[in-house]
Amino acid sequence: MSTIPIEEGSSNVYADLGMAEAQEMLVKAKLASKIGDIIKRQNLTQQQAAELLAMPQPKVSKLLNGQFRGISEAKMLDCLARLGRDVDIVVKPARRRTAAGAVGRVNVVFA
């Protein structure tokens, strides 16, 4: 019986897969997941959610199925606000430093 080598991934599956814009994709995935959770918790149909979010229903369907290319982070933040969530954006000095200077990151935290 042969064993299959297992490689531990990072915290960003998109980066592990070598995708362009991996950090942006991870942020969008977290936002889309939260939007989906809220829609489910509020027992909204996709059509009801579409009306509330001011988006066509097929676009809501794609968003809920993880196909969020073409939907901006700004639109996703607007969706969260329309779903009754306060959205705070905090900008602070970067903690990491490299020889080239400070390197910032984008992180999504839900309270």
PDB file of N, CA and C in Angstrom:
ATOM      1  N   MET A   1       0.850  -1.178   0.000  1.00  0.00           N
ATOM      2  CA  MET A   1       0.000   0.000   0.000  1.00  0.00           C
ATOM      3  C   MET A   1       0.894   1.239   0.000  1.00  0.00           C
ATOM      4  N   SER A   2       0.736   2.091  -0.986  1.00  0.00           N
ATOM      5  CA  SER A   2       1.559   3.296  -1.054  1.00  0.00           C
ATOM      6  C   SER A   2       0.827   4.447  -0.374  1.00  0.00           C
ATOM      7  N   THR A   3       1.601   5.348   0.156  1.00  0.00           N
ATOM      8  CA  THR A   3       1.002   6.506   0.811  1.00  0.00           C
ATOM      9  C   THR A   3       1.060   7.700  -0.117  1.00  0.00           C
ATOM     10  N   ILE A   4       0.118   8.547   0.032  1.00  0.00           N
ATOM     11  CA  ILE A   4       0.050   9.760  -0.761  1.00  0.00           C
ATOM     12  C   ILE A   4       0.654  10.876   0.074  1.00  0.00           C
ATOM     13  N   PRO A   5       1.629  11.590  -0.475  1.00  0.00           N
ATOM     14  CA  PRO A   5       2.221  12.680   0.310  1.00  0.00           C
ATOM     15  C   PRO A   5       1.201  13.792   0.542  1.00  0.00           C
ATOM     16  N   ILE A   6       1.220  14.318   1.735  1.00  0.00           N
ATOM     17  CA  ILE A   6       0.307  15.391   2.110  1.00  0.00           C
ATOM     18  C   ILE A   6       1.128  16.638   2.377  1.00  0.00           C
ATOM     19  N   GLU A   7       0.725  17.706   1.760  1.00  0.00           N
ATOM     20  CA  GLU A   7       1.421  18.966   1.936  1.00  0.00           C
ATOM     21  C   GLU A   7       0.503  19.924   2.688  1.00  0.00           C
ATOM     22  N   GLU A   8       1.023  20.508   3.756  1.00  0.00           N
ATOM     23  CA  GLU A   8       0.222  21.447   4.526  1.00  0.00           C
ATOM     24  C   GLU A   8       0.113  22.757   3.762  1.00  0.00           C
ATOM     25  N   GLY A   9      -1.087  23.273   3.683  1.00  0.00           N
ATOM     26  CA  GLY A   9      -1.318  24.510   2.960  1.00  0.00           C
ATOM     27  C   GLY A   9      -1.210  25.719   3.866  1.00  0.00           C
ATOM     28  N   SER A  10      -1.296  26.871   3.258  1.00  0.00           N
ATOM     29  CA  SER A  10      -1.297  28.119   4.019  1.00  0.00           C
ATOM     30  C   SER A  10      -2.740  28.397   4.454  1.00  0.00           C
ATOM     31  N   SER A  11      -2.952  29.585   4.961  1.00  0.00           N
ATOM     32  CA  SER A  11      -4.313  29.955   5.349  1.00  0.00           C
ATOM     33  C   SER A  11      -5.107  30.501   4.166  1.00  0.00           C
ATOM     34  N   ASN A  12      -4.503  30.506   2.976  1.00  0.00           N
ATOM     35  CA  ASN A  12      -5.178  31.027   1.785  1.00  0.00           C
ATOM     36  C   ASN A  12      -5.126  29.982   0.674  1.00  0.00           C
ATOM     37  N   VAL A  13      -6.221  29.292   0.462  1.00  0.00           N
ATOM     38  CA  VAL A  13      -6.281  28.243  -0.547  1.00  0.00           C
ATOM     39  C   VAL A  13      -6.034  28.792  -1.950  1.00  0.00           C
ATOM     40  N   TYR A  14      -6.437  30.039  -2.185  1.00  0.00           N
ATOM     41  CA  TYR A  14      -6.234  30.638  -3.498  1.00  0.00           C
ATOM     42  C   TYR A  14      -4.742  30.835  -3.785  1.00  0.00           C
ATOM     43  N   ALA A  15      -3.986  31.226  -2.768  1.00  0.00           N
ATOM     44  CA  ALA A  15      -2.530  31.357  -2.921  1.00  0.00           C
ATOM     45  C   ALA A  15      -1.904  29.982  -3.117  1.00  0.00           C
ATOM     46  N   ASP A  16      -2.388  28.991  -2.379  1.00  0.00           N
ATOM     47  CA  ASP A  16      -1.866  27.626  -2.513  1.00  0.00           C
ATOM     48  C   ASP A  16      -2.065  27.093  -3.925  1.00  0.00           C
ATOM     49  N   LEU A  17      -3.140  27.517  -4.568  1.00  0.00           N
ATOM     50  CA  LEU A  17      -3.427  27.074  -5.934  1.00  0.00           C
ATOM     51  C   LEU A  17      -2.737  27.951  -6.975  1.00  0.00           C
ATOM     52  N   GLY A  18      -2.010  28.967  -6.514  1.00  0.00           N
ATOM     53  CA  GLY A  18      -1.271  29.828  -7.424  1.00  0.00           C
ATOM     54  C   GLY A  18      -2.131  30.790  -8.215  1.00  0.00           C
ATOM     55  N   MET A  19      -3.294  31.112  -7.686  1.00  0.00           N
ATOM     56  CA  MET A  19      -4.209  31.997  -8.401  1.00  0.00           C
ATOM     57  C   MET A  19      -3.778  33.455  -8.276  1.00  0.00           C
ATOM     58  N   ALA A  20      -3.973  34.203  -9.347  1.00  0.00           N
ATOM     59  CA  ALA A  20      -3.719  35.638  -9.311  1.00  0.00           C
ATOM     60  C   ALA A  20      -4.730  36.278  -8.371  1.00  0.00           C
ATOM     61  N   GLU A  21      -4.337  37.338  -7.715  1.00  0.00           N
ATOM     62  CA  GLU A  21      -5.224  38.074  -6.803  1.00  0.00           C
ATOM     63  C   GLU A  21      -5.749  37.188  -5.682  1.00  0.00           C
ATOM     64  N   ALA A  22      -4.885  36.331  -5.150  1.00  0.00           N
ATOM     65  CA  ALA A  22      -5.280  35.369  -4.113  1.00  0.00           C
ATOM     66  C   ALA A  22      -5.816  36.054  -2.860  1.00  0.00           C
ATOM     67  N   GLN A  23      -5.174  37.135  -2.443  1.00  0.00           N
ATOM     68  CA  GLN A  23      -5.620  37.830  -1.231  1.00  0.00           C
ATOM     69  C   GLN A  23      -7.014  38.418  -1.423  1.00  0.00           C
ATOM     70  N   GLU A  24      -7.256  39.028  -2.577  1.00  0.00           N
ATOM     71  CA  GLU A  24      -8.576  39.591  -2.864  1.00  0.00           C
ATOM     72  C   GLU A  24      -9.635  38.483  -2.911  1.00  0.00           C
ATOM     73  N   MET A  25      -9.288  37.355  -3.502  1.00  0.00           N
ATOM     74  CA  MET A  25     -10.238  36.243  -3.583  1.00  0.00           C
ATOM     75  C   MET A  25     -10.594  35.718  -2.192  1.00  0.00           C
ATOM     76  N   LEU A  26      -9.606  35.638  -1.291  1.00  0.00           N
ATOM     77  CA  LEU A  26      -9.877  35.173   0.067  1.00  0.00           C
ATOM     78  C   LEU A  26     -10.805  36.130   0.791  1.00  0.00           C
ATOM     79  N   VAL A  27     -10.562  37.430   0.649  1.00  0.00           N
ATOM     80  CA  VAL A  27     -11.425  38.433   1.277  1.00  0.00           C
ATOM     81  C   VAL A  27     -12.850  38.305   0.737  1.00  0.00           C
ATOM     82  N   LYS A  28     -12.980  38.192  -0.575  1.00  0.00           N
ATOM     83  CA  LYS A  28     -14.307  38.050  -1.172  1.00  0.00           C
ATOM     84  C   LYS A  28     -14.996  36.764  -0.720  1.00  0.00           C
ATOM     85  N   ALA A  29     -14.245  35.687  -0.591  1.00  0.00           N
ATOM     86  CA  ALA A  29     -14.829  34.420  -0.140  1.00  0.00           C
ATOM     87  C   ALA A  29     -15.383  34.552   1.270  1.00  0.00           C
ATOM     88  N   LYS A  30     -14.647  35.232   2.140  1.00  0.00           N
ATOM     89  CA  LYS A  30     -15.132  35.429   3.515  1.00  0.00           C
ATOM     90  C   LYS A  30     -16.382  36.299   3.527  1.00  0.00           C
ATOM     91  N   LEU A  31     -16.381  37.370   2.725  1.00  0.00           N
ATOM     92  CA  LEU A  31     -17.551  38.241   2.662  1.00  0.00           C
ATOM     93  C   LEU A  31     -18.756  37.494   2.091  1.00  0.00           C
ATOM     94  N   ALA A  32     -18.561  36.730   1.024  1.00  0.00           N
ATOM     95  CA  ALA A  32     -19.655  35.968   0.405  1.00  0.00           C
ATOM     96  C   ALA A  32     -20.219  34.944   1.377  1.00  0.00           C
ATOM     97  N   SER A  33     -19.342  34.297   2.134  1.00  0.00           N
ATOM     98  CA  SER A  33     -19.788  33.308   3.114  1.00  0.00           C
ATOM     99  C   SER A  33     -20.669  33.956   4.176  1.00  0.00           C
ATOM    100  N   LYS A  34     -20.261  35.130   4.654  1.00  0.00           N
ATOM    101  CA  LYS A  34     -21.047  35.832   5.675  1.00  0.00           C
ATOM    102  C   LYS A  34     -22.391  36.283   5.099  1.00  0.00           C
ATOM    103  N   ILE A  35     -22.387  36.790   3.877  1.00  0.00           N
ATOM    104  CA  ILE A  35     -23.644  37.194   3.233  1.00  0.00           C
ATOM    105  C   ILE A  35     -24.582  35.994   3.142  1.00  0.00           C
ATOM    106  N   GLY A  36     -24.053  34.849   2.719  1.00  0.00           N
ATOM    107  CA  GLY A  36     -24.863  33.636   2.627  1.00  0.00           C
ATOM    108  C   GLY A  36     -25.413  33.200   3.977  1.00  0.00           C
ATOM    109  N   ASP A  37     -24.590  33.283   5.017  1.00  0.00           N
ATOM    110  CA  ASP A  37     -25.047  32.928   6.365  1.00  0.00           C
ATOM    111  C   ASP A  37     -26.210  33.807   6.811  1.00  0.00           C
ATOM    112  N   ILE A  38     -26.094  35.106   6.556  1.00  0.00           N
ATOM    113  CA  ILE A  38     -27.147  36.037   6.981  1.00  0.00           C
ATOM    114  C   ILE A  38     -28.431  35.785   6.193  1.00  0.00           C
ATOM    115  N   ILE A  39     -28.309  35.578   4.890  1.00  0.00           N
ATOM    116  CA  ILE A  39     -29.487  35.295   4.066  1.00  0.00           C
ATOM    117  C   ILE A  39     -30.190  34.033   4.576  1.00  0.00           C
ATOM    118  N   LYS A  40     -29.407  33.013   4.889  1.00  0.00           N
ATOM    119  CA  LYS A  40     -29.982  31.766   5.398  1.00  0.00           C
ATOM    120  C   LYS A  40     -30.645  31.981   6.758  1.00  0.00           C
ATOM    121  N   ARG A  41     -29.966  32.716   7.655  1.00  0.00           N
ATOM    122  CA  ARG A  41     -30.496  32.960   8.988  1.00  0.00           C
ATOM    123  C   ARG A  41     -31.792  33.762   8.938  1.00  0.00           C
ATOM    124  N   GLN A  42     -31.904  34.652   7.944  1.00  0.00           N
ATOM    125  CA  GLN A  42     -33.114  35.465   7.806  1.00  0.00           C
ATOM    126  C   GLN A  42     -34.191  34.760   6.977  1.00  0.00           C
ATOM    127  N   ASN A  43     -33.904  33.524   6.572  1.00  0.00           N
ATOM    128  CA  ASN A  43     -34.850  32.720   5.791  1.00  0.00           C
ATOM    129  C   ASN A  43     -35.336  33.446   4.535  1.00  0.00           C
ATOM    130  N   LEU A  44     -34.412  34.117   3.849  1.00  0.00           N
ATOM    131  CA  LEU A  44     -34.770  34.824   2.616  1.00  0.00           C
ATOM    132  C   LEU A  44     -34.629  33.894   1.421  1.00  0.00           C
ATOM    133  N   THR A  45     -35.547  34.012   0.488  1.00  0.00           N
ATOM    134  CA  THR A  45     -35.365  33.318  -0.781  1.00  0.00           C
ATOM    135  C   THR A  45     -34.325  34.112  -1.581  1.00  0.00           C
ATOM    136  N   GLN A  46     -33.809  33.508  -2.639  1.00  0.00           N
ATOM    137  CA  GLN A  46     -32.855  34.238  -3.467  1.00  0.00           C
ATOM    138  C   GLN A  46     -33.502  35.469  -4.093  1.00  0.00           C
ATOM    139  N   GLN A  47     -34.759  35.362  -4.453  1.00  0.00           N
ATOM    140  CA  GLN A  47     -35.451  36.512  -5.047  1.00  0.00           C
ATOM    141  C   GLN A  47     -35.619  37.625  -4.018  1.00  0.00           C
ATOM    142  N   GLN A  48     -35.991  37.286  -2.788  1.00  0.00           N
ATOM    143  CA  GLN A  48     -36.116  38.287  -1.738  1.00  0.00           C
ATOM    144  C   GLN A  48     -34.762  38.944  -1.458  1.00  0.00           C
ATOM    145  N   ALA A  49     -33.724  38.119  -1.393  1.00  0.00           N
ATOM    146  CA  ALA A  49     -32.373  38.632  -1.158  1.00  0.00           C
ATOM    147  C   ALA A  49     -31.957  39.557  -2.299  1.00  0.00           C
ATOM    148  N   ALA A  50     -32.271  39.173  -3.525  1.00  0.00           N
ATOM    149  CA  ALA A  50     -31.908  39.984  -4.694  1.00  0.00           C
ATOM    150  C   ALA A  50     -32.548  41.362  -4.611  1.00  0.00           C
ATOM    151  N   GLU A  51     -33.812  41.416  -4.229  1.00  0.00           N
ATOM    152  CA  GLU A  51     -34.503  42.697  -4.111  1.00  0.00           C
ATOM    153  C   GLU A  51     -33.879  43.546  -3.013  1.00  0.00           C
ATOM    154  N   LEU A  52     -33.592  42.927  -1.874  1.00  0.00           N
ATOM    155  CA  LEU A  52     -32.996  43.628  -0.746  1.00  0.00           C
ATOM    156  C   LEU A  52     -31.586  44.132  -1.074  1.00  0.00           C
ATOM    157  N   LEU A  53     -30.821  43.321  -1.804  1.00  0.00           N
ATOM    158  CA  LEU A  53     -29.430  43.650  -2.117  1.00  0.00           C
ATOM    159  C   LEU A  53     -29.279  44.484  -3.390  1.00  0.00           C
ATOM    160  N   ALA A  54     -30.385  44.735  -4.072  1.00  0.00           N
ATOM    161  CA  ALA A  54     -30.376  45.495  -5.335  1.00  0.00           C
ATOM    162  C   ALA A  54     -29.454  44.829  -6.362  1.00  0.00           C
ATOM    163  N   MET A  55     -29.626  43.513  -6.497  1.00  0.00           N
ATOM    164  CA  MET A  55     -28.848  42.720  -7.456  1.00  0.00           C
ATOM    165  C   MET A  55     -29.801  41.796  -8.200  1.00  0.00           C
ATOM    166  N   PRO A  56     -29.489  41.447  -9.425  1.00  0.00           N
ATOM    167  CA  PRO A  56     -30.313  40.450 -10.114  1.00  0.00           C
ATOM    168  C   PRO A  56     -30.208  39.094  -9.405  1.00  0.00           C
ATOM    169  N   GLN A  57     -31.288  38.337  -9.384  1.00  0.00           N
ATOM    170  CA  GLN A  57     -31.306  37.041  -8.696  1.00  0.00           C
ATOM    171  C   GLN A  57     -30.223  36.091  -9.201  1.00  0.00           C
ATOM    172  N   PRO A  58     -29.949  36.023 -10.521  1.00  0.00           N
ATOM    173  CA  PRO A  58     -28.879  35.118 -10.954  1.00  0.00           C
ATOM    174  C   PRO A  58     -27.507  35.485 -10.368  1.00  0.00           C
ATOM    175  N   LYS A  59     -27.274  36.778 -10.163  1.00  0.00           N
ATOM    176  CA  LYS A  59     -26.006  37.208  -9.573  1.00  0.00           C
ATOM    177  C   LYS A  59     -25.940  36.810  -8.093  1.00  0.00           C
ATOM    178  N   VAL A  60     -27.075  36.898  -7.393  1.00  0.00           N
ATOM    179  CA  VAL A  60     -27.138  36.447  -5.998  1.00  0.00           C
ATOM    180  C   VAL A  60     -26.854  34.949  -5.947  1.00  0.00           C
ATOM    181  N   SER A  61     -27.436  34.198  -6.858  1.00  0.00           N
ATOM    182  CA  SER A  61     -27.212  32.754  -6.918  1.00  0.00           C
ATOM    183  C   SER A  61     -25.733  32.438  -7.098  1.00  0.00           C
ATOM    184  N   LYS A  62     -25.094  33.140  -8.032  1.00  0.00           N
ATOM    185  CA  LYS A  62     -23.662  32.920  -8.252  1.00  0.00           C
ATOM    186  C   LYS A  62     -22.855  33.263  -7.006  1.00  0.00           C
ATOM    187  N   LEU A  63     -23.180  34.374  -6.371  1.00  0.00           N
ATOM    188  CA  LEU A  63     -22.484  34.787  -5.153  1.00  0.00           C
ATOM    189  C   LEU A  63     -22.589  33.709  -4.077  1.00  0.00           C
ATOM    190  N   LEU A  64     -23.795  33.180  -3.896  1.00  0.00           N
ATOM    191  CA  LEU A  64     -24.017  32.170  -2.866  1.00  0.00           C
ATOM    192  C   LEU A  64     -23.360  30.838  -3.203  1.00  0.00           C
ATOM    193  N   ASN A  65     -23.032  30.634  -4.476  1.00  0.00           N
ATOM    194  CA  ASN A  65     -22.353  29.414  -4.902  1.00  0.00           C
ATOM    195  C   ASN A  65     -20.850  29.612  -5.089  1.00  0.00           C
ATOM    196  N   GLY A  66     -20.330  30.712  -4.540  1.00  0.00           N
ATOM    197  CA  GLY A  66     -18.889  30.936  -4.565  1.00  0.00           C
ATOM    198  C   GLY A  66     -18.340  31.474  -5.863  1.00  0.00           C
ATOM    199  N   GLN A  67     -19.198  31.930  -6.732  1.00  0.00           N
ATOM    200  CA  GLN A  67     -18.752  32.514  -8.009  1.00  0.00           C
ATOM    201  C   GLN A  67     -18.912  34.026  -7.907  1.00  0.00           C
ATOM    202  N   PHE A  68     -17.921  34.661  -7.287  1.00  0.00           N
ATOM    203  CA  PHE A  68     -18.056  36.078  -6.990  1.00  0.00           C
ATOM    204  C   PHE A  68     -17.147  36.976  -7.820  1.00  0.00           C
ATOM    205  N   ARG A  69     -16.520  36.436  -8.853  1.00  0.00           N
ATOM    206  CA  ARG A  69     -15.778  37.311  -9.770  1.00  0.00           C
ATOM    207  C   ARG A  69     -16.805  38.233 -10.430  1.00  0.00           C
ATOM    208  N   GLY A  70     -16.442  39.481 -10.578  1.00  0.00           N
ATOM    209  CA  GLY A  70     -17.376  40.441 -11.165  1.00  0.00           C
ATOM    210  C   GLY A  70     -18.232  41.146 -10.123  1.00  0.00           C
ATOM    211  N   ILE A  71     -18.090  40.761  -8.864  1.00  0.00           N
ATOM    212  CA  ILE A  71     -18.776  41.454  -7.773  1.00  0.00           C
ATOM    213  C   ILE A  71     -17.679  42.090  -6.928  1.00  0.00           C
ATOM    214  N   SER A  72     -17.704  43.391  -6.818  1.00  0.00           N
ATOM    215  CA  SER A  72     -16.637  44.092  -6.109  1.00  0.00           C
ATOM    216  C   SER A  72     -16.752  43.911  -4.593  1.00  0.00           C
ATOM    217  N   GLU A  73     -15.629  44.108  -3.926  1.00  0.00           N
ATOM    218  CA  GLU A  73     -15.643  44.078  -2.464  1.00  0.00           C
ATOM    219  C   GLU A  73     -16.572  45.176  -1.943  1.00  0.00           C
ATOM    220  N   ALA A  74     -16.574  46.330  -2.608  1.00  0.00           N
ATOM    221  CA  ALA A  74     -17.448  47.428  -2.187  1.00  0.00           C
ATOM    222  C   ALA A  74     -18.916  47.009  -2.263  1.00  0.00           C
ATOM    223  N   LYS A  75     -19.299  46.294  -3.319  1.00  0.00           N
ATOM    224  CA  LYS A  75     -20.689  45.827  -3.446  1.00  0.00           C
ATOM    225  C   LYS A  75     -21.006  44.822  -2.339  1.00  0.00           C
ATOM    226  N   MET A  76     -20.055  43.963  -2.016  1.00  0.00           N
ATOM    227  CA  MET A  76     -20.282  42.989  -0.945  1.00  0.00           C
ATOM    228  C   MET A  76     -20.453  43.685   0.405  1.00  0.00           C
ATOM    229  N   LEU A  77     -19.671  44.736   0.641  1.00  0.00           N
ATOM    230  CA  LEU A  77     -19.826  45.501   1.877  1.00  0.00           C
ATOM    231  C   LEU A  77     -21.191  46.182   1.902  1.00  0.00           C
ATOM    232  N   ASP A  78     -21.637  46.690   0.757  1.00  0.00           N
ATOM    233  CA  ASP A  78     -22.970  47.279   0.646  1.00  0.00           C
ATOM    234  C   ASP A  78     -24.043  46.228   0.944  1.00  0.00           C
ATOM    235  N   CYS A  79     -23.846  45.007   0.460  1.00  0.00           N
ATOM    236  CA  CYS A  79     -24.802  43.923   0.726  1.00  0.00           C
ATOM    237  C   CYS A  79     -24.916  43.663   2.227  1.00  0.00           C
ATOM    238  N   LEU A  80     -23.778  43.639   2.912  1.00  0.00           N
ATOM    239  CA  LEU A  80     -23.800  43.417   4.360  1.00  0.00           C
ATOM    240  C   LEU A  80     -24.570  44.524   5.069  1.00  0.00           C
ATOM    241  N   ALA A  81     -24.379  45.770   4.640  1.00  0.00           N
ATOM    242  CA  ALA A  81     -25.116  46.886   5.236  1.00  0.00           C
ATOM    243  C   ALA A  81     -26.613  46.744   4.972  1.00  0.00           C
ATOM    244  N   ARG A  82     -26.972  46.352   3.732  1.00  0.00           N
ATOM    245  CA  ARG A  82     -28.383  46.173   3.388  1.00  0.00           C
ATOM    246  C   ARG A  82     -29.012  45.010   4.179  1.00  0.00           C
ATOM    247  N   LEU A  83     -28.173  44.080   4.621  1.00  0.00           N
ATOM    248  CA  LEU A  83     -28.649  42.950   5.423  1.00  0.00           C
ATOM    249  C   LEU A  83     -28.649  43.277   6.922  1.00  0.00           C
ATOM    250  N   GLY A  84     -28.442  44.552   7.240  1.00  0.00           N
ATOM    251  CA  GLY A  84     -28.554  44.985   8.634  1.00  0.00           C
ATOM    252  C   GLY A  84     -27.280  44.866   9.441  1.00  0.00           C
ATOM    253  N   ARG A  85     -26.138  44.912   8.787  1.00  0.00           N
ATOM    254  CA  ARG A  85     -24.865  44.823   9.499  1.00  0.00           C
ATOM    255  C   ARG A  85     -24.128  46.157   9.394  1.00  0.00           C
ATOM    256  N   ASP A  86     -23.487  46.547  10.486  1.00  0.00           N
ATOM    257  CA  ASP A  86     -22.584  47.685  10.452  1.00  0.00           C
ATOM    258  C   ASP A  86     -21.254  47.180   9.903  1.00  0.00           C
ATOM    259  N   VAL A  87     -20.659  47.946   9.032  1.00  0.00           N
ATOM    260  CA  VAL A  87     -19.366  47.591   8.443  1.00  0.00           C
ATOM    261  C   VAL A  87     -18.378  48.693   8.820  1.00  0.00           C
ATOM    262  N   ASP A  88     -17.348  48.317   9.565  1.00  0.00           N
ATOM    263  CA  ASP A  88     -16.295  49.258   9.950  1.00  0.00           C
ATOM    264  C   ASP A  88     -15.024  48.869   9.207  1.00  0.00           C
ATOM    265  N   ILE A  89     -14.349  49.844   8.655  1.00  0.00           N
ATOM    266  CA  ILE A  89     -13.066  49.609   8.000  1.00  0.00           C
ATOM    267  C   ILE A  89     -12.009  50.301   8.850  1.00  0.00           C
ATOM    268  N   VAL A  90     -11.031  49.542   9.303  1.00  0.00           N
ATOM    269  CA  VAL A  90      -9.980  50.063  10.178  1.00  0.00           C
ATOM    270  C   VAL A  90      -8.658  49.993   9.429  1.00  0.00           C
ATOM    271  N   VAL A  91      -7.969  51.105   9.362  1.00  0.00           N
ATOM    272  CA  VAL A  91      -6.652  51.156   8.726  1.00  0.00           C
ATOM    273  C   VAL A  91      -5.642  51.473   9.817  1.00  0.00           C
ATOM    274  N   LYS A  92      -4.603  50.637   9.937  1.00  0.00           N
ATOM    275  CA  LYS A  92      -3.587  50.829  10.973  1.00  0.00           C
ATOM    276  C   LYS A  92      -2.216  50.486  10.406  1.00  0.00           C
ATOM    277  N   PRO A  93      -1.164  50.873  11.091  1.00  0.00           N
ATOM    278  CA  PRO A  93       0.189  50.558  10.598  1.00  0.00           C
ATOM    279  C   PRO A  93       0.393  49.041  10.479  1.00  0.00           C
ATOM    280  N   ALA A  94       1.164  48.661   9.458  1.00  0.00           N
ATOM    281  CA  ALA A  94       1.469  47.242   9.246  1.00  0.00           C
ATOM    282  C   ALA A  94       2.389  46.740  10.354  1.00  0.00           C
ATOM    283  N   ARG A  95       2.243  45.467  10.711  1.00  0.00           N
ATOM    284  CA  ARG A  95       3.094  44.858  11.732  1.00  0.00           C
ATOM    285  C   ARG A  95       4.335  44.229  11.128  1.00  0.00           C
ATOM    286  N   ARG A  96       4.232  43.776   9.876  1.00  0.00           N
ATOM    287  CA  ARG A  96       5.362  43.095   9.233  1.00  0.00           C
ATOM    288  C   ARG A  96       6.253  44.092   8.531  1.00  0.00           C
ATOM    289  N   ARG A  97       7.531  43.847   8.619  1.00  0.00           N
ATOM    290  CA  ARG A  97       8.504  44.680   7.914  1.00  0.00           C
ATOM    291  C   ARG A  97       9.437  43.783   7.127  1.00  0.00           C
ATOM    292  N   THR A  98       9.782  44.234   5.946  1.00  0.00           N
ATOM    293  CA  THR A  98      10.765  43.540   5.123  1.00  0.00           C
ATOM    294  C   THR A  98      11.872  44.531   4.798  1.00  0.00           C
ATOM    295  N   ALA A  99      12.872  44.077   4.091  1.00  0.00           N
ATOM    296  CA  ALA A  99      13.961  44.974   3.693  1.00  0.00           C
ATOM    297  C   ALA A  99      13.429  46.136   2.856  1.00  0.00           C
ATOM    298  N   ALA A 100      12.359  45.907   2.127  1.00  0.00           N
ATOM    299  CA  ALA A 100      11.782  46.944   1.267  1.00  0.00           C
ATOM    300  C   ALA A 100      10.851  47.883   2.037  1.00  0.00           C
ATOM    301  N   GLY A 101      10.559  47.586   3.295  1.00  0.00           N
ATOM    302  CA  GLY A 101       9.663  48.428   4.092  1.00  0.00           C
ATOM    303  C   GLY A 101       8.505  47.625   4.645  1.00  0.00           C
ATOM    304  N   ALA A 102       7.501  48.321   5.123  1.00  0.00           N
ATOM    305  CA  ALA A 102       6.333  47.680   5.720  1.00  0.00           C
ATOM    306  C   ALA A 102       5.483  46.988   4.666  1.00  0.00           C
ATOM    307  N   VAL A 103       4.926  45.850   5.025  1.00  0.00           N
ATOM    308  CA  VAL A 103       4.031  45.101   4.147  1.00  0.00           C
ATOM    309  C   VAL A 103       2.709  44.949   4.880  1.00  0.00           C
ATOM    310  N   GLY A 104       1.670  45.545   4.321  1.00  0.00           N
ATOM    311  CA  GLY A 104       0.350  45.454   4.930  1.00  0.00           C
ATOM    312  C   GLY A 104      -0.417  44.257   4.438  1.00  0.00           C
ATOM    313  N   ARG A 105      -1.566  44.013   5.034  1.00  0.00           N
ATOM    314  CA  ARG A 105      -2.428  42.901   4.643  1.00  0.00           C
ATOM    315  C   ARG A 105      -3.881  43.329   4.799  1.00  0.00           C
ATOM    316  N   VAL A 106      -4.749  42.607   4.181  1.00  0.00           N
ATOM    317  CA  VAL A 106      -6.183  42.848   4.299  1.00  0.00           C
ATOM    318  C   VAL A 106      -6.761  41.653   5.033  1.00  0.00           C
ATOM    319  N   ASN A 107      -7.523  41.911   6.066  1.00  0.00           N
ATOM    320  CA  ASN A 107      -8.091  40.845   6.880  1.00  0.00           C
ATOM    321  C   ASN A 107      -9.563  41.149   7.119  1.00  0.00           C
ATOM    322  N   VAL A 108     -10.381  40.130   7.153  1.00  0.00           N
ATOM    323  CA  VAL A 108     -11.796  40.278   7.408  1.00  0.00           C
ATOM    324  C   VAL A 108     -12.111  39.631   8.746  1.00  0.00           C
ATOM    325  N   VAL A 109     -12.714  40.404   9.641  1.00  0.00           N
ATOM    326  CA  VAL A 109     -13.056  39.905  10.972  1.00  0.00           C
ATOM    327  C   VAL A 109     -14.532  40.180  11.195  1.00  0.00           C
ATOM    328  N   PHE A 110     -15.266  39.175  11.628  1.00  0.00           N
ATOM    329  CA  PHE A 110     -16.689  39.339  11.915  1.00  0.00           C
ATOM    330  C   PHE A 110     -16.900  39.282  13.422  1.00  0.00           C
ATOM    331  N   ALA A 111     -17.619  40.271  13.946  1.00  0.00           N
ATOM    332  CA  ALA A 111     -17.877  40.326  15.386  1.00  0.00           C
ATOM    333  C   ALA A 111     -19.171  39.608  15.713  1.00  0.00           C
TER     334      ALA A 111
END
